[in-house]
Amino acid sequence: MAWWRSNTYDPADDLKAIGVPVLTIFGEIDTSLPVVENSPVLERYLTETGVRFDIVVIPDQPHSVTTCQGLYGADTWKWPEAYWNRSRLPPEFDETMAAGIVQQID
């Protein structure tokens, strides 16, 4: 994480060169790319391009925008008291992606 935070990459030139519609989805509690810091920058650069874009924030989601997987119910595997919960995308993610695709078709 320290490397990521100290990275000096400036996306300005790349974002300004985009010529297609953009859908950006942030997780509200993303600590890798905090929405509060990154959304205004993204919005500024994309506005300069003139492309159509949407920036969506999914509440209570981390960078991966998935629920974390893990063992629930106990510290050791013991079915049915404990079970493995696989990562899942929140419903808002699928809904946002589908709406973004439909918007581009219209």
PDB file of N, CA and C in Angstrom:
ATOM      1  N   MET A   1       0.824  -1.188   0.000  1.00  0.00           N
ATOM      2  CA  MET A   1       0.000   0.000   0.000  1.00  0.00           C
ATOM      3  C   MET A   1       0.869   1.254   0.000  1.00  0.00           C
ATOM      4  N   ALA A   2       2.006   1.202   0.685  1.00  0.00           N
ATOM      5  CA  ALA A   2       2.895   2.368   0.726  1.00  0.00           C
ATOM      6  C   ALA A   2       3.364   2.728  -0.679  1.00  0.00           C
ATOM      7  N   TRP A   3       3.704   1.699  -1.496  1.00  0.00           N
ATOM      8  CA  TRP A   3       4.128   1.982  -2.866  1.00  0.00           C
ATOM      9  C   TRP A   3       3.002   2.647  -3.647  1.00  0.00           C
ATOM     10  N   TRP A   4       1.810   2.116  -3.505  1.00  0.00           N
ATOM     11  CA  TRP A   4       0.671   2.648  -4.232  1.00  0.00           C
ATOM     12  C   TRP A   4       0.444   4.112  -3.883  1.00  0.00           C
ATOM     13  N   ARG A   5       0.506   4.423  -2.599  1.00  0.00           N
ATOM     14  CA  ARG A   5       0.278   5.795  -2.146  1.00  0.00           C
ATOM     15  C   ARG A   5       1.379   6.750  -2.613  1.00  0.00           C
ATOM     16  N   SER A   6       2.610   6.240  -2.780  1.00  0.00           N
ATOM     17  CA  SER A   6       3.721   7.108  -3.183  1.00  0.00           C
ATOM     18  C   SER A   6       3.889   7.158  -4.701  1.00  0.00           C
ATOM     19  N   ASN A   7       3.083   6.419  -5.436  1.00  0.00           N
ATOM     20  CA  ASN A   7       3.152   6.405  -6.878  1.00  0.00           C
ATOM     21  C   ASN A   7       2.840   7.801  -7.417  1.00  0.00           C
ATOM     22  N   THR A   8       3.643   8.286  -8.355  1.00  0.00           N
ATOM     23  CA  THR A   8       3.475   9.644  -8.866  1.00  0.00           C
ATOM     24  C   THR A   8       2.780   9.694 -10.226  1.00  0.00           C
ATOM     25  N   TYR A   9       2.181   8.593 -10.635  1.00  0.00           N
ATOM     26  CA  TYR A   9       1.478   8.562 -11.916  1.00  0.00           C
ATOM     27  C   TYR A   9       0.372   9.612 -11.941  1.00  0.00           C
ATOM     28  N   ASP A  10       0.360  10.422 -12.975  1.00  0.00           N
ATOM     29  CA  ASP A  10      -0.686  11.422 -13.171  1.00  0.00           C
ATOM     30  C   ASP A  10      -1.547  10.964 -14.352  1.00  0.00           C
ATOM     31  N   PRO A  11      -2.823  10.670 -14.126  1.00  0.00           N
ATOM     32  CA  PRO A  11      -3.674  10.144 -15.193  1.00  0.00           C
ATOM     33  C   PRO A  11      -4.192  11.209 -16.157  1.00  0.00           C
ATOM     34  N   ALA A  12      -3.817  12.445 -15.992  1.00  0.00           N
ATOM     35  CA  ALA A  12      -4.392  13.545 -16.780  1.00  0.00           C
ATOM     36  C   ALA A  12      -4.342  13.273 -18.278  1.00  0.00           C
ATOM     37  N   ASP A  13      -3.164  13.000 -18.826  1.00  0.00           N
ATOM     38  CA  ASP A  13      -3.048  12.806 -20.273  1.00  0.00           C
ATOM     39  C   ASP A  13      -3.864  11.617 -20.753  1.00  0.00           C
ATOM     40  N   ASP A  14      -3.850  10.523 -20.002  1.00  0.00           N
ATOM     41  CA  ASP A  14      -4.599   9.334 -20.407  1.00  0.00           C
ATOM     42  C   ASP A  14      -6.109   9.583 -20.350  1.00  0.00           C
ATOM     43  N   LEU A  15      -6.560  10.237 -19.283  1.00  0.00           N
ATOM     44  CA  LEU A  15      -7.994  10.499 -19.162  1.00  0.00           C
ATOM     45  C   LEU A  15      -8.467  11.510 -20.195  1.00  0.00           C
ATOM     46  N   LYS A  16      -7.660  12.498 -20.492  1.00  0.00           N
ATOM     47  CA  LYS A  16      -8.046  13.507 -21.483  1.00  0.00           C
ATOM     48  C   LYS A  16      -8.079  12.936 -22.904  1.00  0.00           C
ATOM     49  N   ALA A  17      -7.415  11.809 -23.118  1.00  0.00           N
ATOM     50  CA  ALA A  17      -7.375  11.192 -24.447  1.00  0.00           C
ATOM     51  C   ALA A  17      -8.535  10.224 -24.689  1.00  0.00           C
ATOM     52  N   ILE A  18      -9.347   9.974 -23.675  1.00  0.00           N
ATOM     53  CA  ILE A  18     -10.460   9.031 -23.818  1.00  0.00           C
ATOM     54  C   ILE A  18     -11.507   9.617 -24.759  1.00  0.00           C
ATOM     55  N   GLY A  19     -11.967   8.806 -25.680  1.00  0.00           N
ATOM     56  CA  GLY A  19     -12.955   9.264 -26.643  1.00  0.00           C
ATOM     57  C   GLY A  19     -14.241   8.469 -26.627  1.00  0.00           C
ATOM     58  N   VAL A  20     -14.434   7.667 -25.592  1.00  0.00           N
ATOM     59  CA  VAL A  20     -15.638   6.840 -25.485  1.00  0.00           C
ATOM     60  C   VAL A  20     -16.306   7.109 -24.142  1.00  0.00           C
ATOM     61  N   PRO A  21     -17.586   6.808 -24.011  1.00  0.00           N
ATOM     62  CA  PRO A  21     -18.263   6.988 -22.723  1.00  0.00           C
ATOM     63  C   PRO A  21     -17.578   6.179 -21.618  1.00  0.00           C
ATOM     64  N   VAL A  22     -17.633   6.717 -20.406  1.00  0.00           N
ATOM     65  CA  VAL A  22     -16.945   6.103 -19.268  1.00  0.00           C
ATOM     66  C   VAL A  22     -17.924   5.894 -18.114  1.00  0.00           C
ATOM     67  N   LEU A  23     -17.898   4.702 -17.538  1.00  0.00           N
ATOM     68  CA  LEU A  23     -18.635   4.408 -16.313  1.00  0.00           C
ATOM     69  C   LEU A  23     -17.607   4.039 -15.264  1.00  0.00           C
ATOM     70  N   THR A  24     -17.524   4.829 -14.213  1.00  0.00           N
ATOM     71  CA  THR A  24     -16.593   4.562 -13.127  1.00  0.00           C
ATOM     72  C   THR A  24     -17.383   4.197 -11.881  1.00  0.00           C
ATOM     73  N   ILE A  25     -16.999   3.097 -11.254  1.00  0.00           N
ATOM     74  CA  ILE A  25     -17.670   2.652 -10.038  1.00  0.00           C
ATOM     75  C   ILE A  25     -16.652   2.637  -8.909  1.00  0.00           C
ATOM     76  N   PHE A  26     -16.939   3.396  -7.870  1.00  0.00           N
ATOM     77  CA  PHE A  26     -16.106   3.438  -6.676  1.00  0.00           C
ATOM     78  C   PHE A  26     -16.818   2.706  -5.548  1.00  0.00           C
ATOM     79  N   GLY A  27     -16.028   2.081  -4.676  1.00  0.00           N
ATOM     80  CA  GLY A  27     -16.544   1.592  -3.410  1.00  0.00           C
ATOM     81  C   GLY A  27     -16.398   2.730  -2.407  1.00  0.00           C
ATOM     82  N   GLU A  28     -17.433   2.986  -1.645  1.00  0.00           N
ATOM     83  CA  GLU A  28     -17.444   4.117  -0.714  1.00  0.00           C
ATOM     84  C   GLU A  28     -16.302   4.077   0.298  1.00  0.00           C
ATOM     85  N   ILE A  29     -15.922   2.874   0.739  1.00  0.00           N
ATOM     86  CA  ILE A  29     -14.883   2.775   1.771  1.00  0.00           C
ATOM     87  C   ILE A  29     -13.564   2.266   1.200  1.00  0.00           C
ATOM     88  N   ASP A  30     -13.332   2.534  -0.073  1.00  0.00           N
ATOM     89  CA  ASP A  30     -12.080   2.148  -0.737  1.00  0.00           C
ATOM     90  C   ASP A  30     -10.936   2.964  -0.151  1.00  0.00           C
ATOM     91  N   THR A  31      -9.938   2.277   0.394  1.00  0.00           N
ATOM     92  CA  THR A  31      -8.768   2.975   0.927  1.00  0.00           C
ATOM     93  C   THR A  31      -7.638   3.042  -0.089  1.00  0.00           C
ATOM     94  N   SER A  32      -7.717   2.266  -1.179  1.00  0.00           N
ATOM     95  CA  SER A  32      -6.699   2.313  -2.225  1.00  0.00           C
ATOM     96  C   SER A  32      -6.898   3.528  -3.126  1.00  0.00           C
ATOM     97  N   LEU A  33      -8.133   3.749  -3.530  1.00  0.00           N
ATOM     98  CA  LEU A  33      -8.505   4.894  -4.368  1.00  0.00           C
ATOM     99  C   LEU A  33      -9.696   5.588  -3.713  1.00  0.00           C
ATOM    100  N   PRO A  34      -9.430   6.365  -2.668  1.00  0.00           N
ATOM    101  CA  PRO A  34     -10.546   6.993  -1.943  1.00  0.00           C
ATOM    102  C   PRO A  34     -11.398   7.868  -2.869  1.00  0.00           C
ATOM    103  N   VAL A  35     -12.687   7.673  -2.826  1.00  0.00           N
ATOM    104  CA  VAL A  35     -13.604   8.377  -3.707  1.00  0.00           C
ATOM    105  C   VAL A  35     -13.531   9.890  -3.483  1.00  0.00           C
ATOM    106  N   VAL A  36     -13.349  10.318  -2.260  1.00  0.00           N
ATOM    107  CA  VAL A  36     -13.306  11.753  -1.962  1.00  0.00           C
ATOM    108  C   VAL A  36     -12.140  12.432  -2.669  1.00  0.00           C
ATOM    109  N   GLU A  37     -11.012  11.748  -2.770  1.00  0.00           N
ATOM    110  CA  GLU A  37      -9.835  12.308  -3.429  1.00  0.00           C
ATOM    111  C   GLU A  37      -9.892  12.132  -4.943  1.00  0.00           C
ATOM    112  N   ASN A  38     -10.370  11.008  -5.413  1.00  0.00           N
ATOM    113  CA  ASN A  38     -10.246  10.656  -6.819  1.00  0.00           C
ATOM    114  C   ASN A  38     -11.429  11.047  -7.703  1.00  0.00           C
ATOM    115  N   SER A  39     -12.612  11.070  -7.161  1.00  0.00           N
ATOM    116  CA  SER A  39     -13.782  11.390  -7.973  1.00  0.00           C
ATOM    117  C   SER A  39     -13.724  12.798  -8.565  1.00  0.00           C
ATOM    118  N   PRO A  40     -13.372  13.827  -7.795  1.00  0.00           N
ATOM    119  CA  PRO A  40     -13.312  15.179  -8.383  1.00  0.00           C
ATOM    120  C   PRO A  40     -12.269  15.306  -9.496  1.00  0.00           C
ATOM    121  N   VAL A  41     -11.142  14.634  -9.336  1.00  0.00           N
ATOM    122  CA  VAL A  41     -10.094  14.676 -10.358  1.00  0.00           C
ATOM    123  C   VAL A  41     -10.583  13.998 -11.630  1.00  0.00           C
ATOM    124  N   LEU A  42     -11.150  12.825 -11.465  1.00  0.00           N
ATOM    125  CA  LEU A  42     -11.694  12.088 -12.597  1.00  0.00           C
ATOM    126  C   LEU A  42     -12.771  12.911 -13.306  1.00  0.00           C
ATOM    127  N   GLU A  43     -13.656  13.495 -12.537  1.00  0.00           N
ATOM    128  CA  GLU A  43     -14.731  14.301 -13.119  1.00  0.00           C
ATOM    129  C   GLU A  43     -14.169  15.490 -13.901  1.00  0.00           C
ATOM    130  N   ARG A  44     -13.179  16.154 -13.356  1.00  0.00           N
ATOM    131  CA  ARG A  44     -12.582  17.312 -14.035  1.00  0.00           C
ATOM    132  C   ARG A  44     -11.979  16.911 -15.384  1.00  0.00           C
ATOM    133  N   TYR A  45     -11.174  15.860 -15.399  1.00  0.00           N
ATOM    134  CA  TYR A  45     -10.525  15.437 -16.637  1.00  0.00           C
ATOM    135  C   TYR A  45     -11.528  14.935 -17.665  1.00  0.00           C
ATOM    136  N   LEU A  46     -12.504  14.166 -17.227  1.00  0.00           N
ATOM    137  CA  LEU A  46     -13.492  13.644 -18.168  1.00  0.00           C
ATOM    138  C   LEU A  46     -14.395  14.752 -18.709  1.00  0.00           C
ATOM    139  N   THR A  47     -14.680  15.743 -17.899  1.00  0.00           N
ATOM    140  CA  THR A  47     -15.459  16.886 -18.373  1.00  0.00           C
ATOM    141  C   THR A  47     -14.715  17.598 -19.494  1.00  0.00           C
ATOM    142  N   GLU A  48     -13.397  17.712 -19.353  1.00  0.00           N
ATOM    143  CA  GLU A  48     -12.587  18.358 -20.382  1.00  0.00           C
ATOM    144  C   GLU A  48     -12.618  17.593 -21.705  1.00  0.00           C
ATOM    145  N   THR A  49     -12.811  16.287 -21.655  1.00  0.00           N
ATOM    146  CA  THR A  49     -12.838  15.493 -22.894  1.00  0.00           C
ATOM    147  C   THR A  49     -14.135  15.679 -23.659  1.00  0.00           C
ATOM    148  N   GLY A  50     -15.204  16.006 -22.940  1.00  0.00           N
ATOM    149  CA  GLY A  50     -16.508  16.136 -23.575  1.00  0.00           C
ATOM    150  C   GLY A  50     -17.237  14.815 -23.743  1.00  0.00           C
ATOM    151  N   VAL A  51     -16.658  13.715 -23.248  1.00  0.00           N
ATOM    152  CA  VAL A  51     -17.343  12.422 -23.371  1.00  0.00           C
ATOM    153  C   VAL A  51     -18.422  12.313 -22.306  1.00  0.00           C
ATOM    154  N   ARG A  52     -19.372  11.458 -22.581  1.00  0.00           N
ATOM    155  CA  ARG A  52     -20.406  11.175 -21.591  1.00  0.00           C
ATOM    156  C   ARG A  52     -19.814  10.264 -20.527  1.00  0.00           C
ATOM    157  N   PHE A  53     -20.062  10.580 -19.265  1.00  0.00           N
ATOM    158  CA  PHE A  53     -19.518   9.739 -18.195  1.00  0.00           C
ATOM    159  C   PHE A  53     -20.438   9.741 -16.996  1.00  0.00           C
ATOM    160  N   ASP A  54     -20.331   8.691 -16.208  1.00  0.00           N
ATOM    161  CA  ASP A  54     -21.027   8.568 -14.932  1.00  0.00           C
ATOM    162  C   ASP A  54     -20.023   8.091 -13.899  1.00  0.00           C
ATOM    163  N   ILE A  55     -20.120   8.670 -12.715  1.00  0.00           N
ATOM    164  CA  ILE A  55     -19.320   8.232 -11.580  1.00  0.00           C
ATOM    165  C   ILE A  55     -20.314   7.783 -10.517  1.00  0.00           C
ATOM    166  N   VAL A  56     -20.222   6.520 -10.147  1.00  0.00           N
ATOM    167  CA  VAL A  56     -21.164   5.929  -9.201  1.00  0.00           C
ATOM    168  C   VAL A  56     -20.391   5.454  -7.975  1.00  0.00           C
ATOM    169  N   VAL A  57     -20.945   5.717  -6.798  1.00  0.00           N
ATOM    170  CA  VAL A  57     -20.339   5.260  -5.545  1.00  0.00           C
ATOM    171  C   VAL A  57     -21.284   4.257  -4.903  1.00  0.00           C
ATOM    172  N   ILE A  58     -20.777   3.048  -4.661  1.00  0.00           N
ATOM    173  CA  ILE A  58     -21.592   2.022  -4.016  1.00  0.00           C
ATOM    174  C   ILE A  58     -21.303   2.061  -2.514  1.00  0.00           C
ATOM    175  N   PRO A  59     -22.334   2.326  -1.721  1.00  0.00           N
ATOM    176  CA  PRO A  59     -22.154   2.468  -0.270  1.00  0.00           C
ATOM    177  C   PRO A  59     -21.554   1.234   0.394  1.00  0.00           C
ATOM    178  N   ASP A  60     -20.734   1.490   1.400  1.00  0.00           N
ATOM    179  CA  ASP A  60     -20.181   0.444   2.269  1.00  0.00           C
ATOM    180  C   ASP A  60     -19.370  -0.615   1.533  1.00  0.00           C
ATOM    181  N   GLN A  61     -18.771  -0.272   0.403  1.00  0.00           N
ATOM    182  CA  GLN A  61     -17.987  -1.247  -0.348  1.00  0.00           C
ATOM    183  C   GLN A  61     -16.521  -0.842  -0.399  1.00  0.00           C
ATOM    184  N   PRO A  62     -15.606  -1.823  -0.339  1.00  0.00           N
ATOM    185  CA  PRO A  62     -14.173  -1.554  -0.426  1.00  0.00           C
ATOM    186  C   PRO A  62     -13.729  -1.460  -1.883  1.00  0.00           C
ATOM    187  N   HIS A  63     -12.437  -1.457  -2.111  1.00  0.00           N
ATOM    188  CA  HIS A  63     -11.865  -1.332  -3.452  1.00  0.00           C
ATOM    189  C   HIS A  63     -12.350  -2.430  -4.390  1.00  0.00           C
ATOM    190  N   SER A  64     -12.430  -3.639  -3.914  1.00  0.00           N
ATOM    191  CA  SER A  64     -12.826  -4.760  -4.771  1.00  0.00           C
ATOM    192  C   SER A  64     -14.320  -4.771  -5.064  1.00  0.00           C
ATOM    193  N   VAL A  65     -15.085  -3.967  -4.364  1.00  0.00           N
ATOM    194  CA  VAL A  65     -16.534  -3.897  -4.497  1.00  0.00           C
ATOM    195  C   VAL A  65     -17.159  -5.288  -4.395  1.00  0.00           C
ATOM    196  N   THR A  66     -16.602  -6.104  -3.523  1.00  0.00           N
ATOM    197  CA  THR A  66     -17.185  -7.415  -3.259  1.00  0.00           C
ATOM    198  C   THR A  66     -17.267  -7.617  -1.761  1.00  0.00           C
ATOM    199  N   THR A  67     -18.212  -8.433  -1.362  1.00  0.00           N
ATOM    200  CA  THR A  67     -18.225  -8.823   0.034  1.00  0.00           C
ATOM    201  C   THR A  67     -17.035  -9.744   0.251  1.00  0.00           C
ATOM    202  N   CYS A  68     -16.441  -9.665   1.385  1.00  0.00           N
ATOM    203  CA  CYS A  68     -15.259 -10.490   1.664  1.00  0.00           C
ATOM    204  C   CYS A  68     -15.672 -11.926   1.927  1.00  0.00           C
ATOM    205  N   GLN A  69     -14.843 -12.838   1.455  1.00  0.00           N
ATOM    206  CA  GLN A  69     -15.128 -14.232   1.750  1.00  0.00           C
ATOM    207  C   GLN A  69     -14.424 -14.620   3.038  1.00  0.00           C
ATOM    208  N   GLY A  70     -14.926 -15.610   3.668  1.00  0.00           N
ATOM    209  CA  GLY A  70     -14.305 -16.065   4.891  1.00  0.00           C
ATOM    210  C   GLY A  70     -15.151 -17.129   5.558  1.00  0.00           C
ATOM    211  N   LEU A  71     -14.646 -17.617   6.636  1.00  0.00           N
ATOM    212  CA  LEU A  71     -15.326 -18.647   7.398  1.00  0.00           C
ATOM    213  C   LEU A  71     -16.203 -17.973   8.443  1.00  0.00           C
ATOM    214  N   TYR A  72     -17.491 -18.239   8.393  1.00  0.00           N
ATOM    215  CA  TYR A  72     -18.420 -17.619   9.317  1.00  0.00           C
ATOM    216  C   TYR A  72     -19.002 -18.665  10.263  1.00  0.00           C
ATOM    217  N   GLY A  73     -19.170 -18.287  11.486  1.00  0.00           N
ATOM    218  CA  GLY A  73     -19.840 -19.152  12.444  1.00  0.00           C
ATOM    219  C   GLY A  73     -18.924 -19.808  13.446  1.00  0.00           C
ATOM    220  N   ALA A  74     -17.647 -19.927  13.150  1.00  0.00           N
ATOM    221  CA  ALA A  74     -16.681 -20.525  14.080  1.00  0.00           C
ATOM    222  C   ALA A  74     -15.286 -20.358  13.498  1.00  0.00           C
ATOM    223  N   ASP A  75     -14.264 -20.652  14.307  1.00  0.00           N
ATOM    224  CA  ASP A  75     -12.883 -20.520  13.857  1.00  0.00           C
ATOM    225  C   ASP A  75     -12.396 -21.723  13.055  1.00  0.00           C
ATOM    226  N   THR A  76     -13.124 -22.813  13.111  1.00  0.00           N
ATOM    227  CA  THR A  76     -12.735 -24.005  12.352  1.00  0.00           C
ATOM    228  C   THR A  76     -13.923 -24.492  11.539  1.00  0.00           C
ATOM    229  N   TRP A  77     -13.619 -25.226  10.488  1.00  0.00           N
ATOM    230  CA  TRP A  77     -14.681 -25.747   9.654  1.00  0.00           C
ATOM    231  C   TRP A  77     -15.470 -26.799  10.419  1.00  0.00           C
ATOM    232  N   LYS A  78     -16.749 -26.566  10.557  1.00  0.00           N
ATOM    233  CA  LYS A  78     -17.624 -27.521  11.225  1.00  0.00           C
ATOM    234  C   LYS A  78     -19.040 -27.262  10.728  1.00  0.00           C
ATOM    235  N   TRP A  79     -19.384 -27.938   9.657  1.00  0.00           N
ATOM    236  CA  TRP A  79     -20.690 -27.750   9.047  1.00  0.00           C
ATOM    237  C   TRP A  79     -21.784 -28.313   9.935  1.00  0.00           C
ATOM    238  N   PRO A  80     -22.921 -27.708  10.122  1.00  0.00           N
ATOM    239  CA  PRO A  80     -23.373 -26.459   9.534  1.00  0.00           C
ATOM    240  C   PRO A  80     -23.117 -25.232  10.401  1.00  0.00           C
ATOM    241  N   GLU A  81     -22.482 -25.417  11.559  1.00  0.00           N
ATOM    242  CA  GLU A  81     -22.264 -24.266  12.432  1.00  0.00           C
ATOM    243  C   GLU A  81     -21.363 -23.217  11.780  1.00  0.00           C
ATOM    244  N   ALA A  82     -20.403 -23.655  10.980  1.00  0.00           N
ATOM    245  CA  ALA A  82     -19.518 -22.732  10.280  1.00  0.00           C
ATOM    246  C   ALA A  82     -19.614 -23.019   8.788  1.00  0.00           C
ATOM    247  N   TYR A  83     -19.495 -22.007   7.990  1.00  0.00           N
ATOM    248  CA  TYR A  83     -19.600 -22.207   6.547  1.00  0.00           C
ATOM    249  C   TYR A  83     -18.737 -21.170   5.833  1.00  0.00           C
ATOM    250  N   TRP A  84     -18.365 -21.506   4.604  1.00  0.00           N
ATOM    251  CA  TRP A  84     -17.532 -20.626   3.800  1.00  0.00           C
ATOM    252  C   TRP A  84     -18.441 -19.703   2.994  1.00  0.00           C
ATOM    253  N   ASN A  85     -18.223 -18.415   3.128  1.00  0.00           N
ATOM    254  CA  ASN A  85     -18.997 -17.427   2.404  1.00  0.00           C
ATOM    255  C   ASN A  85     -18.136 -16.865   1.281  1.00  0.00           C
ATOM    256  N   ARG A  86     -18.466 -17.147   0.055  1.00  0.00           N
ATOM    257  CA  ARG A  86     -17.696 -16.688  -1.103  1.00  0.00           C
ATOM    258  C   ARG A  86     -17.943 -15.198  -1.382  1.00  0.00           C
ATOM    259  N   SER A  87     -16.966 -14.590  -2.048  1.00  0.00           N
ATOM    260  CA  SER A  87     -17.122 -13.188  -2.443  1.00  0.00           C
ATOM    261  C   SER A  87     -18.289 -13.041  -3.404  1.00  0.00           C
ATOM    262  N   ARG A  88     -19.002 -11.967  -3.239  1.00  0.00           N
ATOM    263  CA  ARG A  88     -20.114 -11.652  -4.120  1.00  0.00           C
ATOM    264  C   ARG A  88     -20.122 -10.164  -4.417  1.00  0.00           C
ATOM    265  N   LEU A  89     -20.564  -9.825  -5.598  1.00  0.00           N
ATOM    266  CA  LEU A  89     -20.756  -8.424  -5.926  1.00  0.00           C
ATOM    267  C   LEU A  89     -22.080  -7.979  -5.327  1.00  0.00           C
ATOM    268  N   PRO A  90     -22.132  -6.751  -4.823  1.00  0.00           N
ATOM    269  CA  PRO A  90     -23.414  -6.269  -4.298  1.00  0.00           C
ATOM    270  C   PRO A  90     -24.392  -6.057  -5.457  1.00  0.00           C
ATOM    271  N   PRO A  91     -25.692  -6.131  -5.209  1.00  0.00           N
ATOM    272  CA  PRO A  91     -26.679  -5.960  -6.283  1.00  0.00           C
ATOM    273  C   PRO A  91     -26.520  -4.616  -7.002  1.00  0.00           C
ATOM    274  N   GLU A  92     -26.099  -3.584  -6.274  1.00  0.00           N
ATOM    275  CA  GLU A  92     -25.931  -2.262  -6.881  1.00  0.00           C
ATOM    276  C   GLU A  92     -24.910  -2.283  -8.011  1.00  0.00           C
ATOM    277  N   PHE A  93     -23.906  -3.162  -7.914  1.00  0.00           N
ATOM    278  CA  PHE A  93     -22.887  -3.233  -8.953  1.00  0.00           C
ATOM    279  C   PHE A  93     -23.500  -3.707 -10.266  1.00  0.00           C
ATOM    280  N   ASP A  94     -24.203  -4.822 -10.218  1.00  0.00           N
ATOM    281  CA  ASP A  94     -24.839  -5.349 -11.430  1.00  0.00           C
ATOM    282  C   ASP A  94     -25.854  -4.365 -11.993  1.00  0.00           C
ATOM    283  N   GLU A  95     -26.632  -3.752 -11.117  1.00  0.00           N
ATOM    284  CA  GLU A  95     -27.645  -2.791 -11.562  1.00  0.00           C
ATOM    285  C   GLU A  95     -26.989  -1.592 -12.248  1.00  0.00           C
ATOM    286  N   THR A  96     -25.890  -1.110 -11.685  1.00  0.00           N
ATOM    287  CA  THR A  96     -25.176   0.036 -12.256  1.00  0.00           C
ATOM    288  C   THR A  96     -24.581  -0.324 -13.612  1.00  0.00           C
ATOM    289  N   MET A  97     -23.971  -1.506 -13.708  1.00  0.00           N
ATOM    290  CA  MET A  97     -23.383  -1.940 -14.978  1.00  0.00           C
ATOM    291  C   MET A  97     -24.468  -2.076 -16.051  1.00  0.00           C
ATOM    292  N   ALA A  98     -25.576  -2.696 -15.704  1.00  0.00           N
ATOM    293  CA  ALA A  98     -26.656  -2.887 -16.676  1.00  0.00           C
ATOM    294  C   ALA A  98     -27.225  -1.541 -17.125  1.00  0.00           C
ATOM    295  N   ALA A  99     -27.443  -0.640 -16.193  1.00  0.00           N
ATOM    296  CA  ALA A  99     -27.971   0.684 -16.542  1.00  0.00           C
ATOM    297  C   ALA A  99     -26.992   1.440 -17.426  1.00  0.00           C
ATOM    298  N   GLY A 100     -25.696   1.308 -17.156  1.00  0.00           N
ATOM    299  CA  GLY A 100     -24.679   1.962 -17.974  1.00  0.00           C
ATOM    300  C   GLY A 100     -24.669   1.446 -19.396  1.00  0.00           C
ATOM    301  N   ILE A 101     -24.839   0.157 -19.560  1.00  0.00           N
ATOM    302  CA  ILE A 101     -24.872  -0.441 -20.904  1.00  0.00           C
ATOM    303  C   ILE A 101     -26.130   0.019 -21.643  1.00  0.00           C
ATOM    304  N   VAL A 102     -27.266  -0.017 -20.973  1.00  0.00           N
ATOM    305  CA  VAL A 102     -28.527   0.419 -21.599  1.00  0.00           C
ATOM    306  C   VAL A 102     -28.421   1.880 -22.005  1.00  0.00           C
ATOM    307  N   GLN A 103     -27.822   2.698 -21.177  1.00  0.00           N
ATOM    308  CA  GLN A 103     -27.687   4.120 -21.487  1.00  0.00           C
ATOM    309  C   GLN A 103     -26.885   4.328 -22.767  1.00  0.00           C
ATOM    310  N   GLN A 104     -25.866   3.505 -22.987  1.00  0.00           N
ATOM    311  CA  GLN A 104     -25.047   3.643 -24.182  1.00  0.00           C
ATOM    312  C   GLN A 104     -25.781   3.176 -25.438  1.00  0.00           C
ATOM    313  N   ILE A 105     -26.731   2.281 -25.274  1.00  0.00           N
ATOM    314  CA  ILE A 105     -27.512   1.777 -26.408  1.00  0.00           C
ATOM    315  C   ILE A 105     -28.550   2.810 -26.845  1.00  0.00           C
ATOM    316  N   ASP A 106     -29.128   3.509 -25.873  1.00  0.00           N
ATOM    317  CA  ASP A 106     -30.170   4.504 -26.179  1.00  0.00           C
ATOM    318  C   ASP A 106     -29.640   5.645 -27.013  1.00  0.00           C
TER     319      ASP A 106
END
